[in-house]
Amino acid sequence: MKTRILTVAILTIFLSASALIAGSQPKMDIVDTAVSAGSFNTLVAAVQAADLADTLKGEGPFTVFAPTDDAFAKLPAGTLEDLLKPENKDKLAAILTYHVVSGKVMAKDVMTMKEAKTVNGESVMISMDANTVMVDNAKVVQADIECTNGVIHVIDTVILPK
């Protein structure tokens, strides 16, 4: 009887642990994660306007340095509205792909890098001090948001290609 109770107890612990591990795995792609966060509405709208949503929902993996809505609000007046016009789709896509690196680059990996080549073809500069990681002139304010097809690092400024 004691053996049976012990077996049931071990099985219950194993199943609970398995559920916790499964629950901690990312369940959404980069675009869906950004949508659900609620602080990337401008980024999501821009990704859709540039026809990049399907790409960022694709297999990847991708690393996205994702500017928040507040980051987009720092752009000079009229800049975002201008970029969202259909005739500026290529320019918008160039800016957005400057925020994407091919592969899944976690914070621990970024710590050893001085630059990273973006999907745009140009490289972003990476620097750090004891408490801050910078990507070009943007501060990483949250790192390692894992998605099914990559990772998001939240930045406080829209970075622009040179």
N, C-alpha and C. Protein backbone atom coordinates (compact mmCIF):
# COMPACT_ATOMS: atom_id res chain seq x y z
N MET A 1 0.82 -1.20 0.00
CA MET A 1 0.00 0.00 0.00
C MET A 1 0.87 1.26 0.00
N LYS A 2 1.92 1.28 0.87
CA LYS A 2 2.81 2.44 0.94
C LYS A 2 3.53 2.66 -0.39
N THR A 3 3.92 1.55 -1.03
CA THR A 3 4.59 1.64 -2.32
C THR A 3 3.69 2.27 -3.36
N ARG A 4 2.43 1.90 -3.33
CA ARG A 4 1.47 2.44 -4.30
C ARG A 4 1.26 3.94 -4.07
N ILE A 5 1.15 4.36 -2.82
CA ILE A 5 0.98 5.78 -2.49
C ILE A 5 2.21 6.55 -2.93
N LEU A 6 3.39 5.99 -2.66
CA LEU A 6 4.64 6.63 -3.06
C LEU A 6 4.72 6.76 -4.58
N THR A 7 4.33 5.73 -5.30
CA THR A 7 4.34 5.75 -6.75
C THR A 7 3.39 6.82 -7.29
N VAL A 8 2.20 6.91 -6.71
CA VAL A 8 1.23 7.93 -7.12
C VAL A 8 1.78 9.32 -6.82
N ALA A 9 2.41 9.49 -5.67
CA ALA A 9 2.98 10.78 -5.30
C ALA A 9 4.08 11.19 -6.27
N ILE A 10 4.96 10.27 -6.61
CA ILE A 10 6.05 10.56 -7.55
C ILE A 10 5.50 10.90 -8.92
N LEU A 11 4.52 10.13 -9.37
CA LEU A 11 3.90 10.39 -10.66
C LEU A 11 3.23 11.76 -10.69
N THR A 12 2.56 12.13 -9.60
CA THR A 12 1.90 13.45 -9.51
C THR A 12 2.94 14.57 -9.58
N ILE A 13 4.04 14.40 -8.86
CA ILE A 13 5.11 15.42 -8.89
C ILE A 13 5.69 15.52 -10.30
N PHE A 14 5.93 14.38 -10.94
CA PHE A 14 6.49 14.37 -12.29
C PHE A 14 5.55 15.08 -13.26
N LEU A 15 4.26 14.76 -13.19
CA LEU A 15 3.29 15.39 -14.10
C LEU A 15 3.17 16.88 -13.84
N SER A 16 3.21 17.28 -12.57
CA SER A 16 3.15 18.71 -12.23
C SER A 16 4.38 19.44 -12.76
N ALA A 17 5.56 18.82 -12.59
CA ALA A 17 6.79 19.44 -13.09
C ALA A 17 6.76 19.54 -14.60
N SER A 18 6.26 18.50 -15.26
CA SER A 18 6.17 18.52 -16.72
C SER A 18 5.24 19.63 -17.19
N ALA A 19 4.14 19.82 -16.49
CA ALA A 19 3.20 20.88 -16.85
C ALA A 19 3.84 22.26 -16.66
N LEU A 20 4.60 22.42 -15.58
CA LEU A 20 5.28 23.70 -15.34
C LEU A 20 6.31 23.98 -16.43
N ILE A 21 7.09 22.97 -16.78
CA ILE A 21 8.10 23.14 -17.82
C ILE A 21 7.42 23.46 -19.15
N ALA A 22 6.38 22.72 -19.48
CA ALA A 22 5.66 22.98 -20.73
C ALA A 22 5.04 24.37 -20.71
N GLY A 23 4.54 24.78 -19.56
CA GLY A 23 3.91 26.10 -19.44
C GLY A 23 4.91 27.23 -19.58
N SER A 24 6.19 26.97 -19.32
CA SER A 24 7.18 28.03 -19.40
C SER A 24 7.73 28.21 -20.82
N GLN A 25 7.40 27.31 -21.70
CA GLN A 25 7.87 27.41 -23.08
C GLN A 25 7.09 28.51 -23.80
N PRO A 26 7.76 29.26 -24.68
CA PRO A 26 7.04 30.29 -25.43
C PRO A 26 5.95 29.66 -26.30
N LYS A 27 4.83 30.34 -26.38
CA LYS A 27 3.71 29.80 -27.14
C LYS A 27 3.33 30.67 -28.33
N MET A 28 3.92 31.86 -28.41
CA MET A 28 3.55 32.78 -29.48
C MET A 28 4.78 33.21 -30.27
N ASP A 29 4.56 33.53 -31.53
CA ASP A 29 5.65 34.04 -32.36
C ASP A 29 5.92 35.50 -31.99
N ILE A 30 6.89 36.09 -32.66
CA ILE A 30 7.30 37.46 -32.35
C ILE A 30 6.16 38.45 -32.52
N VAL A 31 5.42 38.36 -33.61
CA VAL A 31 4.34 39.32 -33.85
C VAL A 31 3.24 39.16 -32.81
N ASP A 32 2.81 37.95 -32.55
CA ASP A 32 1.73 37.73 -31.57
C ASP A 32 2.16 38.15 -30.17
N THR A 33 3.43 37.92 -29.83
CA THR A 33 3.95 38.35 -28.54
C THR A 33 3.91 39.87 -28.43
N ALA A 34 4.32 40.55 -29.49
CA ALA A 34 4.30 42.02 -29.50
C ALA A 34 2.87 42.54 -29.37
N VAL A 35 1.94 41.93 -30.08
CA VAL A 35 0.54 42.34 -30.01
C VAL A 35 0.01 42.16 -28.59
N SER A 36 0.27 41.01 -28.00
CA SER A 36 -0.28 40.72 -26.67
C SER A 36 0.34 41.58 -25.57
N ALA A 37 1.56 42.07 -25.78
CA ALA A 37 2.22 42.89 -24.77
C ALA A 37 1.50 44.23 -24.56
N GLY A 38 0.92 44.77 -25.63
CA GLY A 38 0.19 46.02 -25.51
C GLY A 38 1.04 47.28 -25.54
N SER A 39 2.35 47.15 -25.53
CA SER A 39 3.23 48.33 -25.55
C SER A 39 3.98 48.48 -26.87
N PHE A 40 3.59 47.66 -27.86
CA PHE A 40 4.23 47.69 -29.17
C PHE A 40 3.22 47.94 -30.28
N ASN A 41 2.16 48.66 -30.00
CA ASN A 41 1.11 48.90 -31.00
C ASN A 41 1.65 49.61 -32.24
N THR A 42 2.51 50.58 -32.04
CA THR A 42 3.09 51.32 -33.17
C THR A 42 4.00 50.42 -33.99
N LEU A 43 4.82 49.63 -33.32
CA LEU A 43 5.70 48.70 -34.01
C LEU A 43 4.89 47.71 -34.83
N VAL A 44 3.85 47.16 -34.25
CA VAL A 44 3.02 46.19 -34.97
C VAL A 44 2.37 46.84 -36.19
N ALA A 45 1.87 48.06 -36.03
CA ALA A 45 1.25 48.77 -37.16
C ALA A 45 2.28 49.01 -38.26
N ALA A 46 3.50 49.37 -37.86
CA ALA A 46 4.56 49.62 -38.84
C ALA A 46 4.96 48.32 -39.55
N VAL A 47 5.07 47.24 -38.81
CA VAL A 47 5.41 45.93 -39.39
C VAL A 47 4.35 45.52 -40.41
N GLN A 48 3.10 45.77 -40.08
CA GLN A 48 2.02 45.43 -41.01
C GLN A 48 2.06 46.34 -42.23
N ALA A 49 2.31 47.63 -42.04
CA ALA A 49 2.37 48.58 -43.16
C ALA A 49 3.52 48.25 -44.11
N ALA A 50 4.60 47.70 -43.56
CA ALA A 50 5.76 47.34 -44.38
C ALA A 50 5.66 45.92 -44.93
N ASP A 51 4.55 45.25 -44.69
CA ASP A 51 4.34 43.86 -45.13
C ASP A 51 5.41 42.91 -44.60
N LEU A 52 5.79 43.10 -43.34
CA LEU A 52 6.80 42.24 -42.73
C LEU A 52 6.21 41.27 -41.71
N ALA A 53 4.90 41.37 -41.46
CA ALA A 53 4.28 40.54 -40.43
C ALA A 53 4.45 39.05 -40.73
N ASP A 54 4.20 38.64 -41.96
CA ASP A 54 4.33 37.22 -42.31
C ASP A 54 5.76 36.73 -42.12
N THR A 55 6.72 37.57 -42.44
CA THR A 55 8.13 37.20 -42.26
C THR A 55 8.42 36.99 -40.77
N LEU A 56 7.99 37.95 -39.93
CA LEU A 56 8.27 37.85 -38.50
C LEU A 56 7.40 36.81 -37.79
N LYS A 57 6.42 36.28 -38.48
CA LYS A 57 5.65 35.16 -37.96
C LYS A 57 6.23 33.84 -38.47
N GLY A 58 7.21 33.94 -39.35
CA GLY A 58 7.82 32.77 -39.97
C GLY A 58 8.72 32.01 -39.02
N GLU A 59 9.37 31.00 -39.58
CA GLU A 59 10.16 30.06 -38.80
C GLU A 59 11.30 30.71 -38.02
N GLY A 60 11.98 31.69 -38.64
CA GLY A 60 13.11 32.32 -37.94
C GLY A 60 14.26 31.36 -37.79
N PRO A 61 15.00 31.48 -36.70
CA PRO A 61 14.76 32.38 -35.58
C PRO A 61 15.25 33.80 -35.87
N PHE A 62 14.62 34.74 -35.17
CA PHE A 62 14.96 36.15 -35.29
C PHE A 62 15.21 36.73 -33.91
N THR A 63 16.05 37.73 -33.86
CA THR A 63 16.22 38.56 -32.68
C THR A 63 15.71 39.94 -33.06
N VAL A 64 14.74 40.44 -32.30
CA VAL A 64 14.16 41.74 -32.61
C VAL A 64 14.46 42.71 -31.47
N PHE A 65 15.08 43.82 -31.81
CA PHE A 65 15.24 44.93 -30.88
C PHE A 65 14.00 45.79 -31.07
N ALA A 66 13.03 45.62 -30.18
CA ALA A 66 11.69 46.16 -30.37
C ALA A 66 11.48 47.48 -29.64
N PRO A 67 11.31 48.57 -30.41
CA PRO A 67 11.01 49.86 -29.77
C PRO A 67 9.57 49.88 -29.26
N THR A 68 9.38 50.43 -28.09
CA THR A 68 8.05 50.57 -27.51
C THR A 68 7.30 51.71 -28.19
N ASP A 69 6.02 51.82 -27.85
CA ASP A 69 5.23 52.95 -28.35
C ASP A 69 5.85 54.27 -27.91
N ASP A 70 6.36 54.32 -26.68
CA ASP A 70 7.03 55.54 -26.19
C ASP A 70 8.27 55.86 -27.01
N ALA A 71 8.97 54.84 -27.47
CA ALA A 71 10.16 55.06 -28.31
C ALA A 71 9.75 55.71 -29.63
N PHE A 72 8.68 55.21 -30.23
CA PHE A 72 8.20 55.81 -31.48
C PHE A 72 7.73 57.24 -31.26
N ALA A 73 7.19 57.52 -30.09
CA ALA A 73 6.71 58.88 -29.77
C ALA A 73 7.85 59.88 -29.70
N LYS A 74 9.08 59.41 -29.50
CA LYS A 74 10.25 60.30 -29.45
C LYS A 74 10.68 60.79 -30.83
N LEU A 75 10.20 60.13 -31.90
CA LEU A 75 10.57 60.57 -33.25
C LEU A 75 10.05 61.98 -33.49
N PRO A 76 10.74 62.75 -34.32
CA PRO A 76 10.26 64.10 -34.62
C PRO A 76 8.81 64.07 -35.15
N ALA A 77 8.06 65.10 -34.83
CA ALA A 77 6.66 65.20 -35.24
C ALA A 77 6.51 64.94 -36.74
N GLY A 78 5.56 64.10 -37.10
CA GLY A 78 5.25 63.81 -38.49
C GLY A 78 6.07 62.70 -39.11
N THR A 79 7.17 62.30 -38.47
CA THR A 79 8.05 61.27 -39.03
C THR A 79 7.32 59.94 -39.20
N LEU A 80 6.68 59.49 -38.14
CA LEU A 80 6.00 58.20 -38.19
C LEU A 80 4.87 58.21 -39.22
N GLU A 81 4.08 59.26 -39.20
CA GLU A 81 2.97 59.37 -40.16
C GLU A 81 3.49 59.31 -41.59
N ASP A 82 4.62 59.98 -41.82
CA ASP A 82 5.23 59.99 -43.15
C ASP A 82 5.71 58.59 -43.54
N LEU A 83 6.34 57.90 -42.59
CA LEU A 83 6.86 56.55 -42.87
C LEU A 83 5.75 55.54 -43.14
N LEU A 84 4.58 55.76 -42.56
CA LEU A 84 3.47 54.82 -42.72
C LEU A 84 2.72 55.00 -44.05
N LYS A 85 3.07 56.02 -44.81
CA LYS A 85 2.43 56.22 -46.11
C LYS A 85 2.88 55.12 -47.07
N PRO A 86 1.96 54.64 -47.91
CA PRO A 86 2.31 53.55 -48.85
C PRO A 86 3.54 53.84 -49.71
N GLU A 87 3.72 55.09 -50.11
CA GLU A 87 4.87 55.40 -50.96
C GLU A 87 6.21 55.31 -50.23
N ASN A 88 6.18 55.21 -48.89
CA ASN A 88 7.41 55.10 -48.11
C ASN A 88 7.62 53.70 -47.52
N LYS A 89 6.92 52.72 -48.09
CA LYS A 89 6.96 51.35 -47.60
C LYS A 89 8.40 50.79 -47.57
N ASP A 90 9.18 51.05 -48.63
CA ASP A 90 10.55 50.53 -48.68
C ASP A 90 11.44 51.16 -47.61
N LYS A 91 11.27 52.45 -47.39
CA LYS A 91 12.05 53.15 -46.35
C LYS A 91 11.67 52.61 -44.97
N LEU A 92 10.37 52.40 -44.74
CA LEU A 92 9.90 51.85 -43.47
C LEU A 92 10.46 50.44 -43.26
N ALA A 93 10.41 49.63 -44.30
CA ALA A 93 10.95 48.26 -44.21
C ALA A 93 12.44 48.27 -43.90
N ALA A 94 13.18 49.21 -44.48
CA ALA A 94 14.62 49.31 -44.22
C ALA A 94 14.88 49.65 -42.75
N ILE A 95 14.06 50.53 -42.19
CA ILE A 95 14.22 50.90 -40.78
C ILE A 95 13.86 49.72 -39.89
N LEU A 96 12.75 49.08 -40.18
CA LEU A 96 12.31 47.96 -39.34
C LEU A 96 13.27 46.79 -39.40
N THR A 97 13.79 46.47 -40.57
CA THR A 97 14.72 45.34 -40.68
C THR A 97 16.08 45.66 -40.04
N TYR A 98 16.33 46.95 -39.78
CA TYR A 98 17.52 47.35 -39.04
C TYR A 98 17.39 46.98 -37.56
N HIS A 99 16.18 46.66 -37.13
CA HIS A 99 15.92 46.24 -35.76
C HIS A 99 15.93 44.72 -35.60
N VAL A 100 16.24 43.99 -36.68
CA VAL A 100 16.15 42.52 -36.66
C VAL A 100 17.49 41.90 -37.01
N VAL A 101 17.89 40.93 -36.21
CA VAL A 101 19.10 40.16 -36.45
C VAL A 101 18.67 38.72 -36.70
N SER A 102 19.28 38.09 -37.69
CA SER A 102 18.98 36.69 -37.97
C SER A 102 19.57 35.82 -36.86
N GLY A 103 18.80 34.85 -36.40
CA GLY A 103 19.23 33.97 -35.31
C GLY A 103 18.66 34.42 -33.98
N LYS A 104 18.79 33.57 -33.00
CA LYS A 104 18.28 33.85 -31.66
C LYS A 104 19.45 34.26 -30.78
N VAL A 105 19.57 35.56 -30.52
CA VAL A 105 20.67 36.10 -29.74
C VAL A 105 20.14 36.51 -28.37
N MET A 106 20.47 35.75 -27.36
CA MET A 106 20.02 36.01 -26.00
C MET A 106 20.94 37.05 -25.34
N ALA A 107 20.49 37.61 -24.23
CA ALA A 107 21.25 38.66 -23.54
C ALA A 107 22.66 38.20 -23.21
N LYS A 108 22.80 36.96 -22.77
CA LYS A 108 24.14 36.46 -22.43
C LYS A 108 25.07 36.47 -23.64
N ASP A 109 24.50 36.31 -24.84
CA ASP A 109 25.29 36.34 -26.08
C ASP A 109 25.65 37.77 -26.46
N VAL A 110 24.71 38.68 -26.25
CA VAL A 110 24.92 40.09 -26.59
C VAL A 110 26.07 40.67 -25.78
N MET A 111 26.24 40.18 -24.56
CA MET A 111 27.27 40.71 -23.67
C MET A 111 28.68 40.58 -24.25
N THR A 112 28.88 39.67 -25.17
CA THR A 112 30.21 39.46 -25.74
C THR A 112 30.36 40.08 -27.13
N MET A 113 29.33 40.79 -27.58
CA MET A 113 29.34 41.33 -28.94
C MET A 113 29.61 42.83 -28.95
N LYS A 114 30.25 43.29 -30.01
CA LYS A 114 30.45 44.72 -30.21
C LYS A 114 29.54 45.26 -31.30
N GLU A 115 29.08 44.34 -32.16
CA GLU A 115 28.14 44.70 -33.22
C GLU A 115 27.39 43.46 -33.67
N ALA A 116 26.29 43.70 -34.37
CA ALA A 116 25.50 42.59 -34.91
C ALA A 116 24.97 43.00 -36.27
N LYS A 117 25.12 42.12 -37.24
CA LYS A 117 24.62 42.40 -38.59
C LYS A 117 23.11 42.21 -38.61
N THR A 118 22.40 43.21 -39.10
CA THR A 118 20.95 43.16 -39.14
C THR A 118 20.47 42.58 -40.46
N VAL A 119 19.19 42.23 -40.51
CA VAL A 119 18.58 41.73 -41.72
C VAL A 119 18.62 42.79 -42.81
N ASN A 120 18.68 44.04 -42.43
CA ASN A 120 18.80 45.18 -43.34
C ASN A 120 20.12 45.14 -44.12
N GLY A 121 21.13 44.46 -43.55
CA GLY A 121 22.45 44.39 -44.19
C GLY A 121 23.48 45.24 -43.48
N GLU A 122 23.03 46.21 -42.69
CA GLU A 122 23.95 47.04 -41.91
C GLU A 122 24.11 46.44 -40.52
N SER A 123 25.10 46.93 -39.80
CA SER A 123 25.33 46.43 -38.45
C SER A 123 24.94 47.46 -37.41
N VAL A 124 24.37 46.97 -36.29
CA VAL A 124 24.12 47.83 -35.14
C VAL A 124 25.31 47.70 -34.21
N MET A 125 25.65 48.78 -33.55
CA MET A 125 26.74 48.77 -32.59
C MET A 125 26.18 48.39 -31.22
N ILE A 126 26.90 47.55 -30.50
CA ILE A 126 26.47 47.11 -29.17
C ILE A 126 27.54 47.52 -28.17
N SER A 127 27.08 48.17 -27.11
CA SER A 127 28.00 48.58 -26.06
C SER A 127 27.32 48.35 -24.71
N MET A 128 28.14 48.29 -23.67
CA MET A 128 27.56 48.09 -22.34
C MET A 128 28.46 48.62 -21.27
N ASP A 129 27.81 48.98 -20.16
CA ASP A 129 28.55 49.26 -18.94
C ASP A 129 28.01 48.29 -17.90
N ALA A 130 28.24 48.52 -16.66
CA ALA A 130 27.87 47.56 -15.62
C ALA A 130 26.37 47.24 -15.61
N ASN A 131 25.52 48.22 -15.92
CA ASN A 131 24.08 48.00 -15.79
C ASN A 131 23.27 48.22 -17.06
N THR A 132 23.91 48.63 -18.13
CA THR A 132 23.16 49.04 -19.32
C THR A 132 23.74 48.44 -20.59
N VAL A 133 22.85 47.92 -21.43
CA VAL A 133 23.25 47.46 -22.76
C VAL A 133 22.63 48.45 -23.75
N MET A 134 23.44 48.93 -24.67
CA MET A 134 22.98 49.86 -25.69
C MET A 134 23.11 49.20 -27.06
N VAL A 135 22.11 49.43 -27.89
CA VAL A 135 22.12 49.02 -29.29
C VAL A 135 22.03 50.32 -30.07
N ASP A 136 23.13 50.69 -30.72
CA ASP A 136 23.28 52.04 -31.28
C ASP A 136 22.99 53.03 -30.15
N ASN A 137 21.99 53.89 -30.31
CA ASN A 137 21.70 54.88 -29.27
C ASN A 137 20.50 54.49 -28.40
N ALA A 138 20.07 53.24 -28.49
CA ALA A 138 18.90 52.77 -27.74
C ALA A 138 19.33 51.91 -26.56
N LYS A 139 18.67 52.14 -25.45
CA LYS A 139 18.92 51.36 -24.23
C LYS A 139 18.01 50.13 -24.22
N VAL A 140 18.59 48.97 -23.94
CA VAL A 140 17.78 47.76 -23.77
C VAL A 140 17.16 47.85 -22.38
N VAL A 141 15.82 47.91 -22.34
CA VAL A 141 15.12 48.06 -21.07
C VAL A 141 14.53 46.75 -20.56
N GLN A 142 14.42 45.77 -21.46
CA GLN A 142 14.00 44.42 -21.06
C GLN A 142 14.56 43.46 -22.10
N ALA A 143 15.15 42.38 -21.60
CA ALA A 143 15.80 41.43 -22.51
C ALA A 143 15.14 40.06 -22.41
N ASP A 144 15.42 39.26 -23.44
CA ASP A 144 15.09 37.84 -23.44
C ASP A 144 13.60 37.50 -23.30
N ILE A 145 12.77 38.16 -24.08
CA ILE A 145 11.37 37.75 -24.17
C ILE A 145 11.33 36.68 -25.24
N GLU A 146 11.27 35.44 -24.80
CA GLU A 146 11.36 34.32 -25.74
C GLU A 146 10.05 34.12 -26.48
N CYS A 147 10.17 33.82 -27.76
CA CYS A 147 9.03 33.56 -28.64
C CYS A 147 9.30 32.23 -29.34
N THR A 148 8.28 31.70 -30.00
CA THR A 148 8.46 30.41 -30.67
C THR A 148 9.46 30.50 -31.81
N ASN A 149 9.65 31.69 -32.37
CA ASN A 149 10.55 31.84 -33.51
C ASN A 149 11.67 32.84 -33.26
N GLY A 150 12.02 33.03 -31.98
CA GLY A 150 13.13 33.93 -31.70
C GLY A 150 13.01 34.59 -30.33
N VAL A 151 13.53 35.80 -30.26
CA VAL A 151 13.57 36.53 -28.99
C VAL A 151 13.40 38.02 -29.26
N ILE A 152 12.78 38.69 -28.29
CA ILE A 152 12.60 40.14 -28.35
C ILE A 152 13.41 40.75 -27.22
N HIS A 153 14.13 41.84 -27.55
CA HIS A 153 14.77 42.68 -26.55
C HIS A 153 14.12 44.06 -26.71
N VAL A 154 13.54 44.57 -25.65
CA VAL A 154 12.81 45.84 -25.70
C VAL A 154 13.81 47.00 -25.60
N ILE A 155 13.67 47.97 -26.52
CA ILE A 155 14.54 49.15 -26.50
C ILE A 155 13.70 50.42 -26.37
N ASP A 156 14.36 51.48 -25.88
CA ASP A 156 13.64 52.72 -25.56
C ASP A 156 13.70 53.78 -26.66
N THR A 157 14.32 53.46 -27.78
CA THR A 157 14.50 54.43 -28.87
C THR A 157 14.45 53.68 -30.21
N VAL A 158 13.86 54.30 -31.20
CA VAL A 158 13.89 53.74 -32.56
C VAL A 158 15.29 53.97 -33.09
N ILE A 159 15.93 52.92 -33.57
CA ILE A 159 17.27 53.06 -34.13
C ILE A 159 17.15 53.18 -35.65
N LEU A 160 18.00 54.00 -36.23
CA LEU A 160 17.91 54.29 -37.66
C LEU A 160 19.19 53.88 -38.37
N PRO A 161 19.05 53.27 -39.55
CA PRO A 161 20.23 52.89 -40.32
C PRO A 161 21.05 54.14 -40.66
N LYS A 162 22.33 53.93 -40.88
CA LYS A 162 23.21 55.06 -41.20
C LYS A 162 22.99 55.56 -42.59
